[in-house]
Amino acid sequence: MKIYCFCPKCKKETSINCKYETKTRFLMHQGEATLIICDNCMVKTKVDNKNFFAKESKIRLLIAFLILLAGTPLVYFLIKDYISNSSIKIIGLIAIPSFIYSIFRKEELNRVRTFNNG
């Protein structure tokens, strides 16, 4: 997971990789401060670990959206021979990929909320 903080020198957002799921674990294992290299100004500075936060991953949301786009015609071709009622086909066509997308989104929001709340 990537976690973010603001550089004390240039005030731009920079990120580091983190293997801990909560901020409490991150603080326990990393200590008081972490040495970072700013992505913008390339200066090494120590940042207080309480200033780190998580954000939603755009890549995961993009993958979920692509599943939504690809899943819609796939669901149509899978259910068209088994269901003769067209209104049920339309509901299945929209509901199944949307359900998968909402699960991805909920898990991503839960991951971010878990880290940021401790």
PDB file of N, CA and C in Angstrom:
ATOM      1  N   MET A   1       0.843  -1.165   0.000  1.00  0.00           N
ATOM      2  CA  MET A   1       0.000   0.000   0.000  1.00  0.00           C
ATOM      3  C   MET A   1       0.892   1.234   0.000  1.00  0.00           C
ATOM      4  N   LYS A   2       0.464   2.249  -0.696  1.00  0.00           N
ATOM      5  CA  LYS A   2       1.184   3.521  -0.678  1.00  0.00           C
ATOM      6  C   LYS A   2       0.554   4.421   0.368  1.00  0.00           C
ATOM      7  N   ILE A   3       1.431   5.066   1.130  1.00  0.00           N
ATOM      8  CA  ILE A   3       0.954   6.069   2.075  1.00  0.00           C
ATOM      9  C   ILE A   3       1.618   7.392   1.722  1.00  0.00           C
ATOM     10  N   TYR A   4       0.964   8.468   2.070  1.00  0.00           N
ATOM     11  CA  TYR A   4       1.366   9.791   1.613  1.00  0.00           C
ATOM     12  C   TYR A   4       1.616  10.725   2.792  1.00  0.00           C
ATOM     13  N   CYS A   5       2.442  11.738   2.536  1.00  0.00           N
ATOM     14  CA  CYS A   5       2.662  12.826   3.483  1.00  0.00           C
ATOM     15  C   CYS A   5       3.054  14.056   2.669  1.00  0.00           C
ATOM     16  N   PHE A   6       3.086  15.185   3.334  1.00  0.00           N
ATOM     17  CA  PHE A   6       3.508  16.413   2.672  1.00  0.00           C
ATOM     18  C   PHE A   6       4.952  16.701   3.040  1.00  0.00           C
ATOM     19  N   CYS A   7       5.748  17.066   2.050  1.00  0.00           N
ATOM     20  CA  CYS A   7       7.153  17.400   2.265  1.00  0.00           C
ATOM     21  C   CYS A   7       7.232  18.681   3.102  1.00  0.00           C
ATOM     22  N   PRO A   8       8.033  18.683   4.173  1.00  0.00           N
ATOM     23  CA  PRO A   8       8.155  19.894   4.991  1.00  0.00           C
ATOM     24  C   PRO A   8       8.815  21.057   4.245  1.00  0.00           C
ATOM     25  N   LYS A   9       9.621  20.759   3.237  1.00  0.00           N
ATOM     26  CA  LYS A   9      10.337  21.820   2.508  1.00  0.00           C
ATOM     27  C   LYS A   9       9.461  22.475   1.444  1.00  0.00           C
ATOM     28  N   CYS A  10       8.922  21.663   0.520  1.00  0.00           N
ATOM     29  CA  CYS A  10       8.203  22.244  -0.619  1.00  0.00           C
ATOM     30  C   CYS A  10       6.679  22.142  -0.498  1.00  0.00           C
ATOM     31  N   LYS A  11       6.184  21.461   0.539  1.00  0.00           N
ATOM     32  CA  LYS A  11       4.749  21.318   0.809  1.00  0.00           C
ATOM     33  C   LYS A  11       3.999  20.521  -0.253  1.00  0.00           C
ATOM     34  N   LYS A  12       4.711  19.745  -1.067  1.00  0.00           N
ATOM     35  CA  LYS A  12       4.072  18.888  -2.068  1.00  0.00           C
ATOM     36  C   LYS A  12       3.878  17.498  -1.481  1.00  0.00           C
ATOM     37  N   GLU A  13       2.911  16.788  -2.019  1.00  0.00           N
ATOM     38  CA  GLU A  13       2.619  15.444  -1.536  1.00  0.00           C
ATOM     39  C   GLU A  13       3.637  14.452  -2.087  1.00  0.00           C
ATOM     40  N   THR A  14       4.110  13.574  -1.226  1.00  0.00           N
ATOM     41  CA  THR A  14       5.038  12.523  -1.640  1.00  0.00           C
ATOM     42  C   THR A  14       4.569  11.208  -1.029  1.00  0.00           C
ATOM     43  N   SER A  15       5.033  10.092  -1.567  1.00  0.00           N
ATOM     44  CA  SER A  15       4.532   8.797  -1.108  1.00  0.00           C
ATOM     45  C   SER A  15       5.664   7.828  -0.822  1.00  0.00           C
ATOM     46  N   ILE A  16       5.355   6.853   0.028  1.00  0.00           N
ATOM     47  CA  ILE A  16       6.258   5.737   0.285  1.00  0.00           C
ATOM     48  C   ILE A  16       5.418   4.466   0.306  1.00  0.00           C
ATOM     49  N   ASN A  17       6.071   3.329   0.125  1.00  0.00           N
ATOM     50  CA  ASN A  17       5.383   2.045   0.225  1.00  0.00           C
ATOM     51  C   ASN A  17       5.361   1.598   1.677  1.00  0.00           C
ATOM     52  N   CYS A  18       4.270   0.984   2.059  1.00  0.00           N
ATOM     53  CA  CYS A  18       4.084   0.543   3.440  1.00  0.00           C
ATOM     54  C   CYS A  18       3.483  -0.857   3.428  1.00  0.00           C
ATOM     55  N   LYS A  19       3.985  -1.717   4.301  1.00  0.00           N
ATOM     56  CA  LYS A  19       3.448  -3.076   4.358  1.00  0.00           C
ATOM     57  C   LYS A  19       2.476  -3.275   5.514  1.00  0.00           C
ATOM     58  N   TYR A  20       2.206  -2.229   6.272  1.00  0.00           N
ATOM     59  CA  TYR A  20       1.332  -2.329   7.438  1.00  0.00           C
ATOM     60  C   TYR A  20      -0.069  -1.854   7.079  1.00  0.00           C
ATOM     61  N   GLU A  21      -1.077  -2.525   7.642  1.00  0.00           N
ATOM     62  CA  GLU A  21      -2.458  -2.207   7.303  1.00  0.00           C
ATOM     63  C   GLU A  21      -3.058  -1.091   8.144  1.00  0.00           C
ATOM     64  N   THR A  22      -2.480  -0.828   9.313  1.00  0.00           N
ATOM     65  CA  THR A  22      -3.010   0.233  10.167  1.00  0.00           C
ATOM     66  C   THR A  22      -1.900   1.210  10.530  1.00  0.00           C
ATOM     67  N   LYS A  23      -2.307   2.408  10.858  1.00  0.00           N
ATOM     68  CA  LYS A  23      -1.332   3.422  11.248  1.00  0.00           C
ATOM     69  C   LYS A  23      -0.671   3.062  12.575  1.00  0.00           C
ATOM     70  N   THR A  24      -1.395   2.384  13.451  1.00  0.00           N
ATOM     71  CA  THR A  24      -0.832   1.974  14.733  1.00  0.00           C
ATOM     72  C   THR A  24       0.337   1.015  14.533  1.00  0.00           C
ATOM     73  N   ARG A  25       0.163   0.032  13.670  1.00  0.00           N
ATOM     74  CA  ARG A  25       1.264  -0.898  13.375  1.00  0.00           C
ATOM     75  C   ARG A  25       2.425  -0.177  12.710  1.00  0.00           C
ATOM     76  N   PHE A  26       2.110   0.729  11.812  1.00  0.00           N
ATOM     77  CA  PHE A  26       3.151   1.513  11.148  1.00  0.00           C
ATOM     78  C   PHE A  26       3.960   2.292  12.183  1.00  0.00           C
ATOM     79  N   LEU A  27       3.279   2.922  13.138  1.00  0.00           N
ATOM     80  CA  LEU A  27       3.966   3.682  14.185  1.00  0.00           C
ATOM     81  C   LEU A  27       4.792   2.775  15.089  1.00  0.00           C
ATOM     82  N   MET A  28       4.278   1.582  15.402  1.00  0.00           N
ATOM     83  CA  MET A  28       5.014   0.657  16.263  1.00  0.00           C
ATOM     84  C   MET A  28       6.310   0.195  15.605  1.00  0.00           C
ATOM     85  N   HIS A  29       6.264  -0.101  14.329  1.00  0.00           N
ATOM     86  CA  HIS A  29       7.429  -0.671  13.653  1.00  0.00           C
ATOM     87  C   HIS A  29       8.398   0.383  13.122  1.00  0.00           C
ATOM     88  N   GLN A  30       7.907   1.563  12.788  1.00  0.00           N
ATOM     89  CA  GLN A  30       8.773   2.589  12.205  1.00  0.00           C
ATOM     90  C   GLN A  30       9.310   3.569  13.238  1.00  0.00           C
ATOM     91  N   GLY A  31       8.679   3.674  14.378  1.00  0.00           N
ATOM     92  CA  GLY A  31       9.154   4.610  15.388  1.00  0.00           C
ATOM     93  C   GLY A  31       8.551   5.992  15.224  1.00  0.00           C
ATOM     94  N   GLU A  32       9.298   7.006  15.666  1.00  0.00           N
ATOM     95  CA  GLU A  32       8.802   8.384  15.686  1.00  0.00           C
ATOM     96  C   GLU A  32       8.749   9.039  14.308  1.00  0.00           C
ATOM     97  N   ALA A  33       9.813   8.870  13.529  1.00  0.00           N
ATOM     98  CA  ALA A  33       9.907   9.578  12.248  1.00  0.00           C
ATOM     99  C   ALA A  33      10.478   8.659  11.174  1.00  0.00           C
ATOM    100  N   THR A  34      10.198   9.015   9.931  1.00  0.00           N
ATOM    101  CA  THR A  34      10.689   8.260   8.782  1.00  0.00           C
ATOM    102  C   THR A  34      11.440   9.206   7.865  1.00  0.00           C
ATOM    103  N   LEU A  35      12.567   8.748   7.377  1.00  0.00           N
ATOM    104  CA  LEU A  35      13.358   9.522   6.429  1.00  0.00           C
ATOM    105  C   LEU A  35      12.779   9.310   5.035  1.00  0.00           C
ATOM    106  N   ILE A  36      12.373  10.392   4.397  1.00  0.00           N
ATOM    107  CA  ILE A  36      11.807  10.300   3.048  1.00  0.00           C
ATOM    108  C   ILE A  36      12.636  11.141   2.090  1.00  0.00           C
ATOM    109  N   ILE A  37      12.530  10.803   0.826  1.00  0.00           N
ATOM    110  CA  ILE A  37      13.096  11.621  -0.246  1.00  0.00           C
ATOM    111  C   ILE A  37      11.903  12.160  -1.025  1.00  0.00           C
ATOM    112  N   CYS A  38      11.760  13.455  -1.037  1.00  0.00           N
ATOM    113  CA  CYS A  38      10.624  14.095  -1.692  1.00  0.00           C
ATOM    114  C   CYS A  38      10.666  13.829  -3.194  1.00  0.00           C
ATOM    115  N   ASP A  39       9.514  13.489  -3.766  1.00  0.00           N
ATOM    116  CA  ASP A  39       9.420  13.247  -5.201  1.00  0.00           C
ATOM    117  C   ASP A  39       9.571  14.536  -6.008  1.00  0.00           C
ATOM    118  N   ASN A  40       9.270  15.655  -5.399  1.00  0.00           N
ATOM    119  CA  ASN A  40       9.288  16.930  -6.109  1.00  0.00           C
ATOM    120  C   ASN A  40      10.640  17.644  -5.999  1.00  0.00           C
ATOM    121  N   CYS A  41      11.134  17.853  -4.769  1.00  0.00           N
ATOM    122  CA  CYS A  41      12.360  18.639  -4.590  1.00  0.00           C
ATOM    123  C   CYS A  41      13.602  17.778  -4.346  1.00  0.00           C
ATOM    124  N   MET A  42      13.445  16.454  -4.234  1.00  0.00           N
ATOM    125  CA  MET A  42      14.547  15.493  -4.057  1.00  0.00           C
ATOM    126  C   MET A  42      15.396  15.770  -2.814  1.00  0.00           C
ATOM    127  N   VAL A  43      14.790  16.265  -1.764  1.00  0.00           N
ATOM    128  CA  VAL A  43      15.487  16.547  -0.515  1.00  0.00           C
ATOM    129  C   VAL A  43      15.131  15.457   0.491  1.00  0.00           C
ATOM    130  N   LYS A  44      16.150  14.952   1.206  1.00  0.00           N
ATOM    131  CA  LYS A  44      15.916  13.970   2.264  1.00  0.00           C
ATOM    132  C   LYS A  44      15.510  14.708   3.532  1.00  0.00           C
ATOM    133  N   THR A  45      14.365  14.345   4.076  1.00  0.00           N
ATOM    134  CA  THR A  45      13.901  14.949   5.321  1.00  0.00           C
ATOM    135  C   THR A  45      13.245  13.889   6.192  1.00  0.00           C
ATOM    136  N   LYS A  46      13.215  14.154   7.486  1.00  0.00           N
ATOM    137  CA  LYS A  46      12.503  13.285   8.410  1.00  0.00           C
ATOM    138  C   LYS A  46      11.095  13.830   8.582  1.00  0.00           C
ATOM    139  N   VAL A  47      10.135  12.920   8.504  1.00  0.00           N
ATOM    140  CA  VAL A  47       8.732  13.293   8.643  1.00  0.00           C
ATOM    141  C   VAL A  47       8.147  12.513   9.812  1.00  0.00           C
ATOM    142  N   ASP A  48       7.391  13.208  10.650  1.00  0.00           N
ATOM    143  CA  ASP A  48       6.720  12.553  11.766  1.00  0.00           C
ATOM    144  C   ASP A  48       5.740  11.520  11.205  1.00  0.00           C
ATOM    145  N   ASN A  49       5.773  10.311  11.742  1.00  0.00           N
ATOM    146  CA  ASN A  49       4.950   9.227  11.206  1.00  0.00           C
ATOM    147  C   ASN A  49       3.456   9.451  11.396  1.00  0.00           C
ATOM    148  N   LYS A  50       3.072  10.339  12.289  1.00  0.00           N
ATOM    149  CA  LYS A  50       1.654  10.636  12.476  1.00  0.00           C
ATOM    150  C   LYS A  50       1.089  11.454  11.316  1.00  0.00           C
ATOM    151  N   ASN A  51       1.961  12.014  10.486  1.00  0.00           N
ATOM    152  CA  ASN A  51       1.513  12.835   9.366  1.00  0.00           C
ATOM    153  C   ASN A  51       1.233  12.029   8.101  1.00  0.00           C
ATOM    154  N   PHE A  52       1.459  10.722   8.125  1.00  0.00           N
ATOM    155  CA  PHE A  52       1.191   9.892   6.949  1.00  0.00           C
ATOM    156  C   PHE A  52      -0.289   9.542   6.878  1.00  0.00           C
ATOM    157  N   PHE A  53      -0.792   9.403   5.671  1.00  0.00           N
ATOM    158  CA  PHE A  53      -2.191   9.035   5.452  1.00  0.00           C
ATOM    159  C   PHE A  53      -2.294   8.194   4.186  1.00  0.00           C
ATOM    160  N   ALA A  54      -3.373   7.436   4.078  1.00  0.00           N
ATOM    161  CA  ALA A  54      -3.614   6.594   2.906  1.00  0.00           C
ATOM    162  C   ALA A  54      -4.673   7.250   2.029  1.00  0.00           C
ATOM    163  N   LYS A  55      -4.611   6.957   0.741  1.00  0.00           N
ATOM    164  CA  LYS A  55      -5.607   7.428  -0.220  1.00  0.00           C
ATOM    165  C   LYS A  55      -6.057   6.251  -1.068  1.00  0.00           C
ATOM    166  N   GLU A  56      -7.178   6.442  -1.749  1.00  0.00           N
ATOM    167  CA  GLU A  56      -7.671   5.395  -2.636  1.00  0.00           C
ATOM    168  C   GLU A  56      -6.692   5.172  -3.778  1.00  0.00           C
ATOM    169  N   SER A  57      -6.505   3.910  -4.121  1.00  0.00           N
ATOM    170  CA  SER A  57      -5.635   3.567  -5.232  1.00  0.00           C
ATOM    171  C   SER A  57      -6.405   3.737  -6.537  1.00  0.00           C
ATOM    172  N   LYS A  58      -5.901   4.566  -7.412  1.00  0.00           N
ATOM    173  CA  LYS A  58      -6.560   4.790  -8.699  1.00  0.00           C
ATOM    174  C   LYS A  58      -6.476   3.549  -9.582  1.00  0.00           C
ATOM    175  N   ILE A  59      -5.416   2.775  -9.430  1.00  0.00           N
ATOM    176  CA  ILE A  59      -5.248   1.577 -10.252  1.00  0.00           C
ATOM    177  C   ILE A  59      -6.303   0.539  -9.896  1.00  0.00           C
ATOM    178  N   ARG A  60      -6.547   0.339  -8.608  1.00  0.00           N
ATOM    179  CA  ARG A  60      -7.572  -0.626  -8.198  1.00  0.00           C
ATOM    180  C   ARG A  60      -8.952  -0.201  -8.665  1.00  0.00           C
ATOM    181  N   LEU A  61      -9.248   1.077  -8.575  1.00  0.00           N
ATOM    182  CA  LEU A  61     -10.547   1.546  -9.043  1.00  0.00           C
ATOM    183  C   LEU A  61     -10.662   1.438 -10.559  1.00  0.00           C
ATOM    184  N   LEU A  62      -9.561   1.644 -11.272  1.00  0.00           N
ATOM    185  CA  LEU A  62      -9.565   1.476 -12.722  1.00  0.00           C
ATOM    186  C   LEU A  62      -9.812   0.019 -13.091  1.00  0.00           C
ATOM    187  N   ILE A  63      -9.178  -0.903 -12.374  1.00  0.00           N
ATOM    188  CA  ILE A  63      -9.400  -2.329 -12.625  1.00  0.00           C
ATOM    189  C   ILE A  63     -10.860  -2.690 -12.362  1.00  0.00           C
ATOM    190  N   ALA A  64     -11.417  -2.171 -11.286  1.00  0.00           N
ATOM    191  CA  ALA A  64     -12.822  -2.441 -10.977  1.00  0.00           C
ATOM    192  C   ALA A  64     -13.733  -1.883 -12.064  1.00  0.00           C
ATOM    193  N   PHE A  65     -13.417  -0.702 -12.574  1.00  0.00           N
ATOM    194  CA  PHE A  65     -14.227  -0.111 -13.641  1.00  0.00           C
ATOM    195  C   PHE A  65     -14.106  -0.918 -14.929  1.00  0.00           C
ATOM    196  N   LEU A  66     -12.908  -1.415 -15.233  1.00  0.00           N
ATOM    197  CA  LEU A  66     -12.735  -2.251 -16.424  1.00  0.00           C
ATOM    198  C   LEU A  66     -13.500  -3.566 -16.290  1.00  0.00           C
ATOM    199  N   ILE A  67     -13.556  -4.108 -15.081  1.00  0.00           N
ATOM    200  CA  ILE A  67     -14.369  -5.307 -14.855  1.00  0.00           C
ATOM    201  C   ILE A  67     -15.840  -4.982 -15.094  1.00  0.00           C
ATOM    202  N   LEU A  68     -16.254  -3.799 -14.675  1.00  0.00           N
ATOM    203  CA  LEU A  68     -17.627  -3.370 -14.918  1.00  0.00           C
ATOM    204  C   LEU A  68     -17.906  -3.282 -16.416  1.00  0.00           C
ATOM    205  N   LEU A  69     -16.992  -2.671 -17.166  1.00  0.00           N
ATOM    206  CA  LEU A  69     -17.194  -2.528 -18.609  1.00  0.00           C
ATOM    207  C   LEU A  69     -17.133  -3.863 -19.341  1.00  0.00           C
ATOM    208  N   ALA A  70     -16.168  -4.702 -18.986  1.00  0.00           N
ATOM    209  CA  ALA A  70     -16.028  -5.992 -19.660  1.00  0.00           C
ATOM    210  C   ALA A  70     -17.069  -6.989 -19.168  1.00  0.00           C
ATOM    211  N   GLY A  71     -17.483  -6.852 -17.932  1.00  0.00           N
ATOM    212  CA  GLY A  71     -18.435  -7.798 -17.363  1.00  0.00           C
ATOM    213  C   GLY A  71     -19.841  -7.638 -17.890  1.00  0.00           C
ATOM    214  N   THR A  72     -20.198  -6.448 -18.305  1.00  0.00           N
ATOM    215  CA  THR A  72     -21.550  -6.210 -18.791  1.00  0.00           C
ATOM    216  C   THR A  72     -21.864  -7.038 -20.038  1.00  0.00           C
ATOM    217  N   PRO A  73     -21.067  -6.971 -21.116  1.00  0.00           N
ATOM    218  CA  PRO A  73     -21.380  -7.830 -22.268  1.00  0.00           C
ATOM    219  C   PRO A  73     -21.169  -9.317 -21.974  1.00  0.00           C
ATOM    220  N   LEU A  74     -20.214  -9.620 -21.107  1.00  0.00           N
ATOM    221  CA  LEU A  74     -19.967 -11.018 -20.752  1.00  0.00           C
ATOM    222  C   LEU A  74     -21.182 -11.614 -20.050  1.00  0.00           C
ATOM    223  N   VAL A  75     -21.762 -10.871 -19.131  1.00  0.00           N
ATOM    224  CA  VAL A  75     -22.958 -11.345 -18.440  1.00  0.00           C
ATOM    225  C   VAL A  75     -24.099 -11.510 -19.432  1.00  0.00           C
ATOM    226  N   TYR A  76     -24.215 -10.599 -20.377  1.00  0.00           N
ATOM    227  CA  TYR A  76     -25.276 -10.698 -21.378  1.00  0.00           C
ATOM    228  C   TYR A  76     -25.150 -11.993 -22.178  1.00  0.00           C
ATOM    229  N   PHE A  77     -23.960 -12.299 -22.648  1.00  0.00           N
ATOM    230  CA  PHE A  77     -23.778 -13.511 -23.444  1.00  0.00           C
ATOM    231  C   PHE A  77     -23.942 -14.779 -22.614  1.00  0.00           C
ATOM    232  N   LEU A  78     -23.656 -14.704 -21.326  1.00  0.00           N
ATOM    233  CA  LEU A  78     -23.808 -15.884 -20.479  1.00  0.00           C
ATOM    234  C   LEU A  78     -25.261 -16.156 -20.099  1.00  0.00           C
ATOM    235  N   ILE A  79     -26.055 -15.106 -19.926  1.00  0.00           N
ATOM    236  CA  ILE A  79     -27.426 -15.334 -19.460  1.00  0.00           C
ATOM    237  C   ILE A  79     -28.471 -15.266 -20.568  1.00  0.00           C
ATOM    238  N   LYS A  80     -28.109 -14.899 -21.781  1.00  0.00           N
ATOM    239  CA  LYS A  80     -29.130 -14.713 -22.824  1.00  0.00           C
ATOM    240  C   LYS A  80     -29.831 -16.008 -23.209  1.00  0.00           C
ATOM    241  N   ASP A  81     -29.147 -17.146 -23.146  1.00  0.00           N
ATOM    242  CA  ASP A  81     -29.768 -18.414 -23.525  1.00  0.00           C
ATOM    243  C   ASP A  81     -30.577 -19.035 -22.394  1.00  0.00           C
ATOM    244  N   TYR A  82     -30.287 -18.670 -21.164  1.00  0.00           N
ATOM    245  CA  TYR A  82     -30.940 -19.301 -20.019  1.00  0.00           C
ATOM    246  C   TYR A  82     -32.181 -18.557 -19.544  1.00  0.00           C
ATOM    247  N   ILE A  83     -32.245 -17.284 -19.814  1.00  0.00           N
ATOM    248  CA  ILE A  83     -33.369 -16.482 -19.325  1.00  0.00           C
ATOM    249  C   ILE A  83     -34.106 -15.901 -20.523  1.00  0.00           C
ATOM    250  N   SER A  84     -35.415 -16.167 -20.590  1.00  0.00           N
ATOM    251  CA  SER A  84     -36.188 -15.685 -21.735  1.00  0.00           C
ATOM    252  C   SER A  84     -36.818 -14.320 -21.471  1.00  0.00           C
ATOM    253  N   ASN A  85     -37.003 -13.946 -20.235  1.00  0.00           N
ATOM    254  CA  ASN A  85     -37.613 -12.670 -19.886  1.00  0.00           C
ATOM    255  C   ASN A  85     -36.585 -11.550 -20.066  1.00  0.00           C
ATOM    256  N   SER A  86     -36.883 -10.596 -20.929  1.00  0.00           N
ATOM    257  CA  SER A  86     -35.906  -9.548 -21.247  1.00  0.00           C
ATOM    258  C   SER A  86     -35.684  -8.577 -20.086  1.00  0.00           C
ATOM    259  N   SER A  87     -36.693  -8.360 -19.254  1.00  0.00           N
ATOM    260  CA  SER A  87     -36.494  -7.437 -18.128  1.00  0.00           C
ATOM    261  C   SER A  87     -35.533  -8.035 -17.099  1.00  0.00           C
ATOM    262  N   ILE A  88     -35.573  -9.334 -16.896  1.00  0.00           N
ATOM    263  CA  ILE A  88     -34.631  -9.979 -15.984  1.00  0.00           C
ATOM    264  C   ILE A  88     -33.229  -9.943 -16.579  1.00  0.00           C
ATOM    265  N   LYS A  89     -33.129 -10.066 -17.902  1.00  0.00           N
ATOM    266  CA  LYS A  89     -31.815  -9.966 -18.561  1.00  0.00           C
ATOM    267  C   LYS A  89     -31.201  -8.589 -18.329  1.00  0.00           C
ATOM    268  N   ILE A  90     -32.004  -7.563 -18.458  1.00  0.00           N
ATOM    269  CA  ILE A  90     -31.494  -6.197 -18.289  1.00  0.00           C
ATOM    270  C   ILE A  90     -31.059  -5.967 -16.841  1.00  0.00           C
ATOM    271  N   ILE A  91     -31.849  -6.464 -15.904  1.00  0.00           N
ATOM    272  CA  ILE A  91     -31.474  -6.323 -14.493  1.00  0.00           C
ATOM    273  C   ILE A  91     -30.168  -7.050 -14.219  1.00  0.00           C
ATOM    274  N   GLY A  92     -30.037  -8.275 -14.720  1.00  0.00           N
ATOM    275  CA  GLY A  92     -28.797  -9.031 -14.542  1.00  0.00           C
ATOM    276  C   GLY A  92     -27.627  -8.388 -15.242  1.00  0.00           C
ATOM    277  N   LEU A  93     -27.903  -7.814 -16.405  1.00  0.00           N
ATOM    278  CA  LEU A  93     -26.862  -7.153 -17.192  1.00  0.00           C
ATOM    279  C   LEU A  93     -26.266  -5.969 -16.444  1.00  0.00           C
ATOM    280  N   ILE A  94     -27.078  -5.254 -15.717  1.00  0.00           N
ATOM    281  CA  ILE A  94     -26.608  -4.084 -14.982  1.00  0.00           C
ATOM    282  C   ILE A  94     -26.187  -4.440 -13.556  1.00  0.00           C
ATOM    283  N   ALA A  95     -26.934  -5.306 -12.905  1.00  0.00           N
ATOM    284  CA  ALA A  95     -26.725  -5.561 -11.477  1.00  0.00           C
ATOM    285  C   ALA A  95     -25.452  -6.338 -11.177  1.00  0.00           C
ATOM    286  N   ILE A  96     -25.155  -7.368 -11.950  1.00  0.00           N
ATOM    287  CA  ILE A  96     -24.011  -8.223 -11.614  1.00  0.00           C
ATOM    288  C   ILE A  96     -22.685  -7.472 -11.724  1.00  0.00           C
ATOM    289  N   PRO A  97     -22.363  -6.823 -12.846  1.00  0.00           N
ATOM    290  CA  PRO A  97     -21.102  -6.067 -12.886  1.00  0.00           C
ATOM    291  C   PRO A  97     -21.075  -4.892 -11.905  1.00  0.00           C
ATOM    292  N   SER A  98     -22.217  -4.250 -11.698  1.00  0.00           N
ATOM    293  CA  SER A  98     -22.266  -3.143 -10.737  1.00  0.00           C
ATOM    294  C   SER A  98     -22.006  -3.633  -9.322  1.00  0.00           C
ATOM    295  N   PHE A  99     -22.494  -4.816  -8.999  1.00  0.00           N
ATOM    296  CA  PHE A  99     -22.259  -5.409  -7.687  1.00  0.00           C
ATOM    297  C   PHE A  99     -20.772  -5.687  -7.486  1.00  0.00           C
ATOM    298  N   ILE A 100     -20.118  -6.226  -8.500  1.00  0.00           N
ATOM    299  CA  ILE A 100     -18.679  -6.501  -8.412  1.00  0.00           C
ATOM    300  C   ILE A 100     -17.903  -5.196  -8.245  1.00  0.00           C
ATOM    301  N   TYR A 101     -18.266  -4.166  -9.005  1.00  0.00           N
ATOM    302  CA  TYR A 101     -17.605  -2.858  -8.886  1.00  0.00           C
ATOM    303  C   TYR A 101     -17.790  -2.284  -7.480  1.00  0.00           C
ATOM    304  N   SER A 102     -19.000  -2.404  -6.946  1.00  0.00           N
ATOM    305  CA  SER A 102     -19.249  -1.846  -5.610  1.00  0.00           C
ATOM    306  C   SER A 102     -18.466  -2.598  -4.538  1.00  0.00           C
ATOM    307  N   ILE A 103     -18.256  -3.897  -4.712  1.00  0.00           N
ATOM    308  CA  ILE A 103     -17.443  -4.660  -3.755  1.00  0.00           C
ATOM    309  C   ILE A 103     -16.001  -4.168  -3.792  1.00  0.00           C
ATOM    310  N   PHE A 104     -15.443  -3.990  -4.999  1.00  0.00           N
ATOM    311  CA  PHE A 104     -14.076  -3.471  -5.128  1.00  0.00           C
ATOM    312  C   PHE A 104     -13.960  -2.111  -4.451  1.00  0.00           C
ATOM    313  N   ARG A 105     -14.905  -1.238  -4.731  1.00  0.00           N
ATOM    314  CA  ARG A 105     -14.866   0.123  -4.187  1.00  0.00           C
ATOM    315  C   ARG A 105     -14.990   0.114  -2.665  1.00  0.00           C
ATOM    316  N   LYS A 106     -15.884  -0.710  -2.139  1.00  0.00           N
ATOM    317  CA  LYS A 106     -16.076  -0.784  -0.692  1.00  0.00           C
ATOM    318  C   LYS A 106     -14.814  -1.287  -0.003  1.00  0.00           C
ATOM    319  N   GLU A 107     -14.172  -2.295  -0.566  1.00  0.00           N
ATOM    320  CA  GLU A 107     -12.945  -2.825   0.030  1.00  0.00           C
ATOM    321  C   GLU A 107     -11.823  -1.783   0.001  1.00  0.00           C
ATOM    322  N   GLU A 108     -11.744  -1.023  -1.070  1.00  0.00           N
ATOM    323  CA  GLU A 108     -10.718   0.018  -1.169  1.00  0.00           C
ATOM    324  C   GLU A 108     -10.965   1.114  -0.126  1.00  0.00           C
ATOM    325  N   LEU A 109     -12.203   1.541   0.013  1.00  0.00           N
ATOM    326  CA  LEU A 109     -12.531   2.553   1.023  1.00  0.00           C
ATOM    327  C   LEU A 109     -12.294   2.023   2.434  1.00  0.00           C
ATOM    328  N   ASN A 110     -12.587   0.755   2.654  1.00  0.00           N
ATOM    329  CA  ASN A 110     -12.354   0.143   3.959  1.00  0.00           C
ATOM    330  C   ASN A 110     -10.860   0.086   4.273  1.00  0.00           C
ATOM    331  N   ARG A 111     -10.044  -0.240   3.288  1.00  0.00           N
ATOM    332  CA  ARG A 111      -8.592  -0.296   3.472  1.00  0.00           C
ATOM    333  C   ARG A 111      -8.042   1.077   3.842  1.00  0.00           C
ATOM    334  N   VAL A 112      -8.486   2.101   3.155  1.00  0.00           N
ATOM    335  CA  VAL A 112      -8.033   3.470   3.429  1.00  0.00           C
ATOM    336  C   VAL A 112      -8.516   3.924   4.806  1.00  0.00           C
ATOM    337  N   ARG A 113      -9.769   3.666   5.113  1.00  0.00           N
ATOM    338  CA  ARG A 113     -10.327   4.066   6.405  1.00  0.00           C
ATOM    339  C   ARG A 113      -9.617   3.351   7.556  1.00  0.00           C
ATOM    340  N   THR A 114      -9.298   2.071   7.364  1.00  0.00           N
ATOM    341  CA  THR A 114      -8.609   1.307   8.404  1.00  0.00           C
ATOM    342  C   THR A 114      -7.246   1.904   8.701  1.00  0.00           C
ATOM    343  N   PHE A 115      -6.497   2.264   7.663  1.00  0.00           N
ATOM    344  CA  PHE A 115      -5.177   2.843   7.907  1.00  0.00           C
ATOM    345  C   PHE A 115      -5.292   4.223   8.550  1.00  0.00           C
ATOM    346  N   ASN A 116      -6.139   5.064   8.014  1.00  0.00           N
ATOM    347  CA  ASN A 116      -6.215   6.443   8.500  1.00  0.00           C
ATOM    348  C   ASN A 116      -6.778   6.555   9.918  1.00  0.00           C
ATOM    349  N   ASN A 117      -7.648   5.639  10.304  1.00  0.00           N
ATOM    350  CA  ASN A 117      -8.222   5.695  11.652  1.00  0.00           C
ATOM    351  C   ASN A 117      -7.386   4.966  12.687  1.00  0.00           C
ATOM    352  N   GLY A 118      -6.376   4.261  12.250  1.00  0.00           N
ATOM    353  CA  GLY A 118      -5.491   3.630  13.223  1.00  0.00           C
ATOM    354  C   GLY A 118      -5.631   2.159  13.201  1.00  0.00           C
TER     355      GLY A 118
END
